[in-house]
Amino acid sequence: MATALLFAGQGAQKVGMGKSLYENSDAARALYDEADRVLGWSLTKVSFEGPETELTQTRVCQPALFVHGLALHAVLAGQGKLGDVSMALGLSLGEVTAYTAAGVFDFATGLRVVAERGRLMQVACEQSLGGMAAIIGEERAKVAELCAAFDIEAANFNAPGQIIVSGEKSKIDAAVAAAKDLGIKKVIALNVAGAYHSRLMEPARAAFAAFLETVPFAAPRFTVFTNTTGQAVSEPAAIKAALVKQVVSSVLWEDCMRSAVATGVAAHGAPPAFLELGPGGVLAGLAKRTDKAWSVRSLAEFADCAA
């Protein structure tokens, strides 16, 4: 049976994540120590001790989740448990983690990429007044109507009936206020720093594109999927273009998951087993919402890997 790795996105972070990995695995400890050297500040301290207000900052939580995911990957690899991995996919920043796991770039390069992505996105948030909201229980067409009516954008298609919209805060607030009158039953305004995956991130996209021009990309060792299309991507130039576009485009997570399942069925005759490498089990929850028959196991700390 094929295994597909799932890597977490922003919002999954928790103070203390990775501490047991660091304490019990030489491989994980080496990655955290290297991360502190590459970044020039102690990601290890913030990840393990907080405070939460610092860990949740975009420029911090993106590299923190990246390192945590790859530390889990290093532990599992050392235990010989990744021999049947044939696919990887990640939600938003997790896509960078997936590419690193697949060998598109080495750990230090991937860390620099995700750290710069997070820094640029935080700057874009600080230069605009954006917001996001979750729309629960609606079809994509109904959400598209809401977006058109209020000049906002669909940021995430996470699972059937769970779609996130993004845009200027005043327009998001107006959409939330009017949703019930438009027949949308449940809309939840989200407590976020800005309008991720919308046109308000355009300054970050442009600067990130310039940054990536000097970063070498290799072909992945196994199948990876891009959030921008929900499809597999393999050419280095196409991967680079996808990472740039992803900053301002919708995250087609449900589509990525369905593509991974279809690829596994086509190649092996059965759906892949999913391994979520990240805190919180968020992606497992989205998978179960999409199809309860899918097999998903969430790993967050050293004890989970040993089980």
Protein backbone atom coordinates (compact mmCIF):
# COMPACT_ATOMS: atom_id res chain seq x y z
CA MET A 1 0.00 0.00 0.00
CA ALA A 2 1.19 3.51 -0.83
CA THR A 3 1.65 6.11 1.88
CA ALA A 4 1.05 9.84 1.39
CA LEU A 5 2.56 12.35 3.81
CA LEU A 6 0.48 15.34 4.93
CA PHE A 7 2.17 18.50 6.26
CA ALA A 8 0.37 21.09 8.38
CA GLY A 9 -0.40 24.70 7.58
CA GLN A 10 -0.47 27.90 9.63
CA GLY A 11 -2.85 27.71 12.57
CA ALA A 12 -1.83 24.20 13.64
CA GLN A 13 1.06 25.44 15.82
CA LYS A 14 1.09 24.77 19.57
CA VAL A 15 3.55 25.84 22.25
CA GLY A 16 5.67 22.81 23.17
CA MET A 17 5.47 21.18 19.76
CA GLY A 18 8.59 19.20 18.91
CA LYS A 19 10.02 19.18 22.43
CA SER A 20 9.79 15.39 22.83
CA LEU A 21 11.27 14.94 19.35
CA TYR A 22 14.25 17.09 20.33
CA GLU A 23 14.74 15.25 23.62
CA ASN A 24 14.49 11.72 22.22
CA SER A 25 15.90 11.82 18.68
CA ASP A 26 19.41 12.79 17.56
CA ALA A 27 18.11 13.36 14.03
CA ALA A 28 15.34 15.70 15.16
CA ARG A 29 17.72 17.54 17.52
CA ALA A 30 20.16 18.09 14.67
CA LEU A 31 17.44 19.71 12.54
CA TYR A 32 16.31 22.04 15.33
CA ASP A 33 19.90 23.04 16.07
CA GLU A 34 20.56 23.66 12.38
CA ALA A 35 17.38 25.73 12.16
CA ASP A 36 18.57 28.00 14.98
CA ARG A 37 21.87 28.51 13.14
CA VAL A 38 20.25 29.16 9.75
CA LEU A 39 17.66 31.59 11.12
CA GLY A 40 19.95 33.40 13.53
CA TRP A 41 17.37 33.22 16.33
CA SER A 42 16.12 30.42 18.58
CA LEU A 43 13.21 28.76 16.83
CA THR A 44 13.73 25.93 19.31
CA LYS A 45 13.05 28.16 22.33
CA VAL A 46 9.91 29.74 20.84
CA SER A 47 8.55 26.37 19.68
CA PHE A 48 9.10 24.69 23.04
CA GLU A 49 8.43 27.56 25.46
CA GLY A 50 6.45 30.22 23.59
CA PRO A 51 5.03 32.66 24.37
CA GLU A 52 2.04 31.81 22.20
CA THR A 53 1.77 35.40 21.00
CA GLU A 54 5.23 35.09 19.44
CA LEU A 55 4.75 31.58 18.07
CA THR A 56 1.55 32.61 16.28
CA GLN A 57 3.27 35.41 14.36
CA THR A 58 3.37 34.50 10.68
CA ARG A 59 7.14 34.95 10.39
CA VAL A 60 7.63 32.53 13.32
CA CYS A 61 4.94 29.88 13.00
CA GLN A 62 5.68 29.10 9.34
CA PRO A 63 9.31 28.01 9.91
CA ALA A 64 8.27 26.42 13.23
CA LEU A 65 5.75 24.14 11.53
CA PHE A 66 8.19 23.42 8.71
CA VAL A 67 10.90 22.25 11.14
CA HIS A 68 8.43 20.28 13.25
CA GLY A 69 7.13 18.42 10.19
CA LEU A 70 10.59 17.52 8.97
CA ALA A 71 11.73 16.52 12.46
CA LEU A 72 8.87 14.00 12.52
CA HIS A 73 9.91 12.90 9.05
CA ALA A 74 13.52 12.40 10.24
CA VAL A 75 12.40 10.30 13.21
CA LEU A 76 10.21 8.07 11.05
CA ALA A 77 12.93 7.72 8.42
CA GLY A 78 15.39 6.67 11.11
CA GLN A 79 12.92 4.02 12.24
CA GLY A 80 12.62 2.69 8.67
CA LYS A 81 8.91 3.55 8.51
CA LEU A 82 8.87 5.60 5.31
CA GLY A 83 9.79 2.94 2.77
CA ASP A 84 6.37 2.96 1.12
CA VAL A 85 5.99 6.75 0.88
CA SER A 86 5.14 7.66 -2.70
CA MET A 87 3.36 11.00 -2.27
CA ALA A 88 3.44 14.18 -0.20
CA LEU A 89 1.19 17.20 0.07
CA GLY A 90 0.99 20.16 2.43
CA LEU A 91 -1.56 22.82 3.29
CA SER A 92 -0.33 26.30 2.35
CA LEU A 93 3.15 26.62 3.96
CA GLY A 94 3.07 22.81 4.31
CA GLU A 95 3.55 22.61 0.56
CA VAL A 96 7.12 23.86 1.09
CA THR A 97 7.60 21.13 3.72
CA ALA A 98 6.30 18.53 1.27
CA TYR A 99 8.73 19.66 -1.44
CA THR A 100 11.61 19.49 1.03
CA ALA A 101 10.64 15.96 2.10
CA ALA A 102 10.59 15.04 -1.59
CA GLY A 103 14.11 16.43 -2.16
CA VAL A 104 13.21 19.52 -4.21
CA PHE A 105 15.69 21.35 -1.96
CA ASP A 106 17.67 20.49 1.16
CA PHE A 107 16.53 21.30 4.69
CA ALA A 108 18.48 24.56 5.06
CA THR A 109 17.28 25.86 1.69
CA GLY A 110 13.67 24.90 2.39
CA LEU A 111 13.90 26.63 5.77
CA ARG A 112 15.19 29.83 4.19
CA VAL A 113 12.37 29.66 1.62
CA VAL A 114 9.62 29.23 4.22
CA ALA A 115 11.16 31.82 6.58
CA GLU A 116 11.23 34.42 3.81
CA ARG A 117 7.68 33.48 2.76
CA GLY A 118 6.48 33.97 6.33
CA ARG A 119 8.34 37.25 6.75
CA LEU A 120 6.97 38.69 3.52
CA MET A 121 3.42 37.59 4.30
CA GLN A 122 3.61 39.19 7.75
CA VAL A 123 4.81 42.46 6.21
CA ALA A 124 1.92 42.33 3.73
CA CYS A 125 -0.50 41.77 6.62
CA GLU A 126 0.90 44.76 8.47
CA GLN A 127 0.56 46.95 5.37
CA SER A 128 -3.12 46.12 4.82
CA LEU A 129 -6.30 45.64 6.84
CA GLY A 130 -7.47 42.19 5.90
CA GLY A 131 -9.73 39.52 7.32
CA MET A 132 -10.99 36.00 6.72
CA ALA A 133 -14.13 34.01 7.47
CA ALA A 134 -15.15 30.36 7.37
CA ILE A 135 -18.28 29.35 5.50
CA ILE A 136 -19.71 26.07 6.71
CA GLY A 137 -22.08 23.74 4.89
CA GLU A 138 -22.25 25.48 1.51
CA GLU A 139 -21.41 24.47 -2.04
CA ARG A 140 -18.62 26.18 -3.95
CA ALA A 141 -21.06 27.91 -6.32
CA LYS A 142 -22.89 29.60 -3.43
CA VAL A 143 -19.60 30.83 -1.97
CA ALA A 144 -18.56 32.13 -5.38
CA GLU A 145 -21.75 34.22 -5.47
CA LEU A 146 -20.94 35.69 -2.04
CA CYS A 147 -17.38 36.49 -3.14
CA ALA A 148 -18.60 38.23 -6.29
CA ALA A 149 -21.20 40.24 -4.36
CA PHE A 150 -18.73 41.56 -1.78
CA ASP A 151 -15.48 41.69 -3.82
CA ILE A 152 -13.73 39.07 -1.67
CA GLU A 153 -11.97 35.83 -2.61
CA ALA A 154 -12.13 32.14 -1.75
CA ALA A 155 -8.86 31.42 0.06
CA ASN A 156 -9.20 27.76 1.06
CA PHE A 157 -11.31 24.86 -0.16
CA ASN A 158 -10.50 22.64 2.82
CA ALA A 159 -13.21 19.99 2.64
CA PRO A 160 -16.81 19.66 1.45
CA GLY A 161 -18.76 22.36 3.26
CA GLN A 162 -15.69 24.10 4.69
CA ILE A 163 -14.52 27.04 2.61
CA ILE A 164 -12.53 30.07 3.82
CA VAL A 165 -12.96 33.51 2.26
CA SER A 166 -10.43 36.34 2.42
CA GLY A 167 -10.19 40.03 1.63
CA GLU A 168 -10.36 43.55 3.01
CA LYS A 169 -11.70 43.41 6.58
CA SER A 170 -14.56 45.80 5.90
CA LYS A 171 -15.73 43.64 2.99
CA ILE A 172 -15.38 40.43 4.99
CA ASP A 173 -17.39 41.99 7.83
CA ALA A 174 -20.10 43.07 5.36
CA ALA A 175 -20.23 39.58 3.84
CA VAL A 176 -20.53 37.99 7.30
CA ALA A 177 -23.34 40.38 8.24
CA ALA A 178 -25.27 39.75 5.02
CA ALA A 179 -24.69 36.01 4.72
CA LYS A 180 -27.84 34.87 6.53
CA ASP A 181 -30.04 37.04 4.33
CA LEU A 182 -28.41 35.40 1.31
CA GLY A 183 -29.33 31.93 2.57
CA ILE A 184 -25.92 31.03 3.99
CA LYS A 185 -26.56 29.48 7.38
CA LYS A 186 -23.17 29.50 9.10
CA VAL A 187 -20.35 32.00 8.67
CA ILE A 188 -17.61 32.45 11.27
CA ALA A 189 -15.27 35.45 11.26
CA LEU A 190 -11.71 34.23 11.93
CA ASN A 191 -9.17 35.81 14.24
CA VAL A 192 -6.28 36.18 11.78
CA ALA A 193 -3.59 38.75 11.11
CA GLY A 194 -4.54 39.40 7.50
CA ALA A 195 -6.13 38.29 4.26
CA TYR A 196 -4.05 35.25 3.33
CA HIS A 197 -4.34 33.77 -0.17
CA SER A 198 -5.95 36.91 -1.58
CA ARG A 199 -4.85 39.84 -3.70
CA LEU A 200 -3.87 41.69 -0.51
CA MET A 201 -0.82 39.37 -0.45
CA GLU A 202 0.37 40.64 -3.86
CA PRO A 203 3.35 42.56 -2.38
CA ALA A 204 4.48 39.32 -0.72
CA ARG A 205 3.99 37.36 -3.95
CA ALA A 206 6.12 39.77 -6.00
CA ALA A 207 8.95 39.88 -3.46
CA PHE A 208 8.83 36.10 -2.97
CA ALA A 209 9.13 35.57 -6.74
CA ALA A 210 12.27 37.72 -6.78
CA PHE A 211 13.70 35.80 -3.81
CA LEU A 212 13.11 32.41 -5.45
CA GLU A 213 14.91 33.41 -8.65
CA THR A 214 18.24 32.48 -7.06
CA VAL A 215 17.02 29.30 -5.31
CA PRO A 216 17.81 26.03 -7.13
CA PHE A 217 14.91 23.55 -7.41
CA ALA A 218 15.31 19.84 -8.21
CA ALA A 219 12.74 17.35 -9.47
CA PRO A 220 10.93 15.63 -6.56
CA ARG A 221 11.80 12.03 -5.71
CA PHE A 222 8.12 11.14 -5.42
CA THR A 223 4.76 12.67 -6.32
CA VAL A 224 3.85 16.03 -4.83
CA PHE A 225 0.68 18.07 -5.29
CA THR A 226 0.31 21.82 -5.56
CA ASN A 227 -2.41 23.78 -3.76
CA THR A 228 -2.84 26.01 -6.82
CA THR A 229 -4.38 23.30 -9.03
CA GLY A 230 -4.88 20.30 -6.77
CA GLN A 231 -2.79 18.28 -9.22
CA ALA A 232 0.64 16.67 -9.19
CA VAL A 233 3.59 18.86 -10.19
CA SER A 234 7.07 17.61 -11.08
CA GLU A 235 9.03 20.07 -13.24
CA PRO A 236 11.27 22.32 -11.10
CA ALA A 237 10.16 25.46 -12.97
CA ALA A 238 6.51 24.53 -12.49
CA ILE A 239 7.04 23.92 -8.77
CA LYS A 240 8.69 27.34 -8.40
CA ALA A 241 5.83 29.03 -10.29
CA ALA A 242 3.27 27.21 -8.15
CA LEU A 243 4.92 28.33 -4.90
CA VAL A 244 4.85 31.94 -6.08
CA LYS A 245 1.23 31.80 -7.26
CA GLN A 246 0.09 30.03 -4.11
CA VAL A 247 0.69 33.16 -2.00
CA VAL A 248 -2.27 34.91 -3.66
CA SER A 249 -4.38 32.03 -4.96
CA SER A 250 -6.93 29.65 -3.46
CA VAL A 251 -5.64 26.61 -1.57
CA LEU A 252 -7.37 23.67 -3.25
CA TRP A 253 -6.78 21.27 -0.36
CA GLU A 254 -9.78 19.05 -0.95
CA ASP A 255 -8.69 18.71 -4.58
CA CYS A 256 -5.13 17.79 -3.52
CA MET A 257 -6.45 15.06 -1.23
CA ARG A 258 -8.75 13.63 -3.86
CA SER A 259 -5.91 13.67 -6.41
CA ALA A 260 -3.66 11.79 -3.97
CA VAL A 261 -6.34 9.16 -3.46
CA ALA A 262 -6.92 8.82 -7.20
CA THR A 263 -3.18 8.52 -7.83
CA GLY A 264 -2.82 5.85 -5.17
CA VAL A 265 -5.76 3.87 -6.51
CA ALA A 266 -4.41 4.08 -10.06
CA ALA A 267 -0.92 2.98 -9.07
CA HIS A 268 -1.61 0.41 -6.38
CA GLY A 269 -5.25 -0.60 -6.62
CA ALA A 270 -6.17 0.81 -3.19
CA PRO A 271 -6.38 4.26 -1.59
CA PRO A 272 -3.16 5.45 0.08
CA ALA A 273 -2.73 5.55 3.82
CA PHE A 274 -2.23 9.14 4.94
CA LEU A 275 0.33 10.10 7.61
CA GLU A 276 -0.19 13.59 9.02
CA LEU A 277 3.10 15.03 10.27
CA GLY A 278 2.10 18.01 12.38
CA PRO A 279 0.44 19.09 15.62
CA GLY A 280 -3.25 19.01 16.27
CA GLY A 281 -4.65 16.51 13.79
CA VAL A 282 -6.21 19.30 11.71
CA LEU A 283 -5.61 17.59 8.37
CA ALA A 284 -6.97 14.28 9.65
CA GLY A 285 -10.15 16.11 10.58
CA LEU A 286 -10.47 17.59 7.09
CA ALA A 287 -9.84 14.17 5.55
CA LYS A 288 -12.60 12.57 7.61
CA ARG A 289 -14.95 15.38 6.62
CA THR A 290 -14.14 14.67 2.97
CA ASP A 291 -14.37 10.87 3.07
CA LYS A 292 -14.72 8.84 6.27
CA ALA A 293 -13.31 5.78 4.50
CA TRP A 294 -9.85 7.31 4.15
CA SER A 295 -7.16 6.02 6.50
CA VAL A 296 -5.37 8.86 8.28
CA ARG A 297 -2.93 8.65 11.20
CA SER A 298 -1.74 11.84 12.89
CA LEU A 299 1.74 12.07 14.43
CA ALA A 300 2.82 15.04 16.52
CA GLU A 301 5.44 13.90 19.04
CA PHE A 302 8.00 11.18 19.66
CA ALA A 303 5.61 8.84 21.45
CA ASP A 304 3.29 8.91 18.42
CA CYS A 305 6.12 7.79 16.17
CA ALA A 306 7.00 4.90 18.46
CA ALA A 307 3.43 3.59 18.55
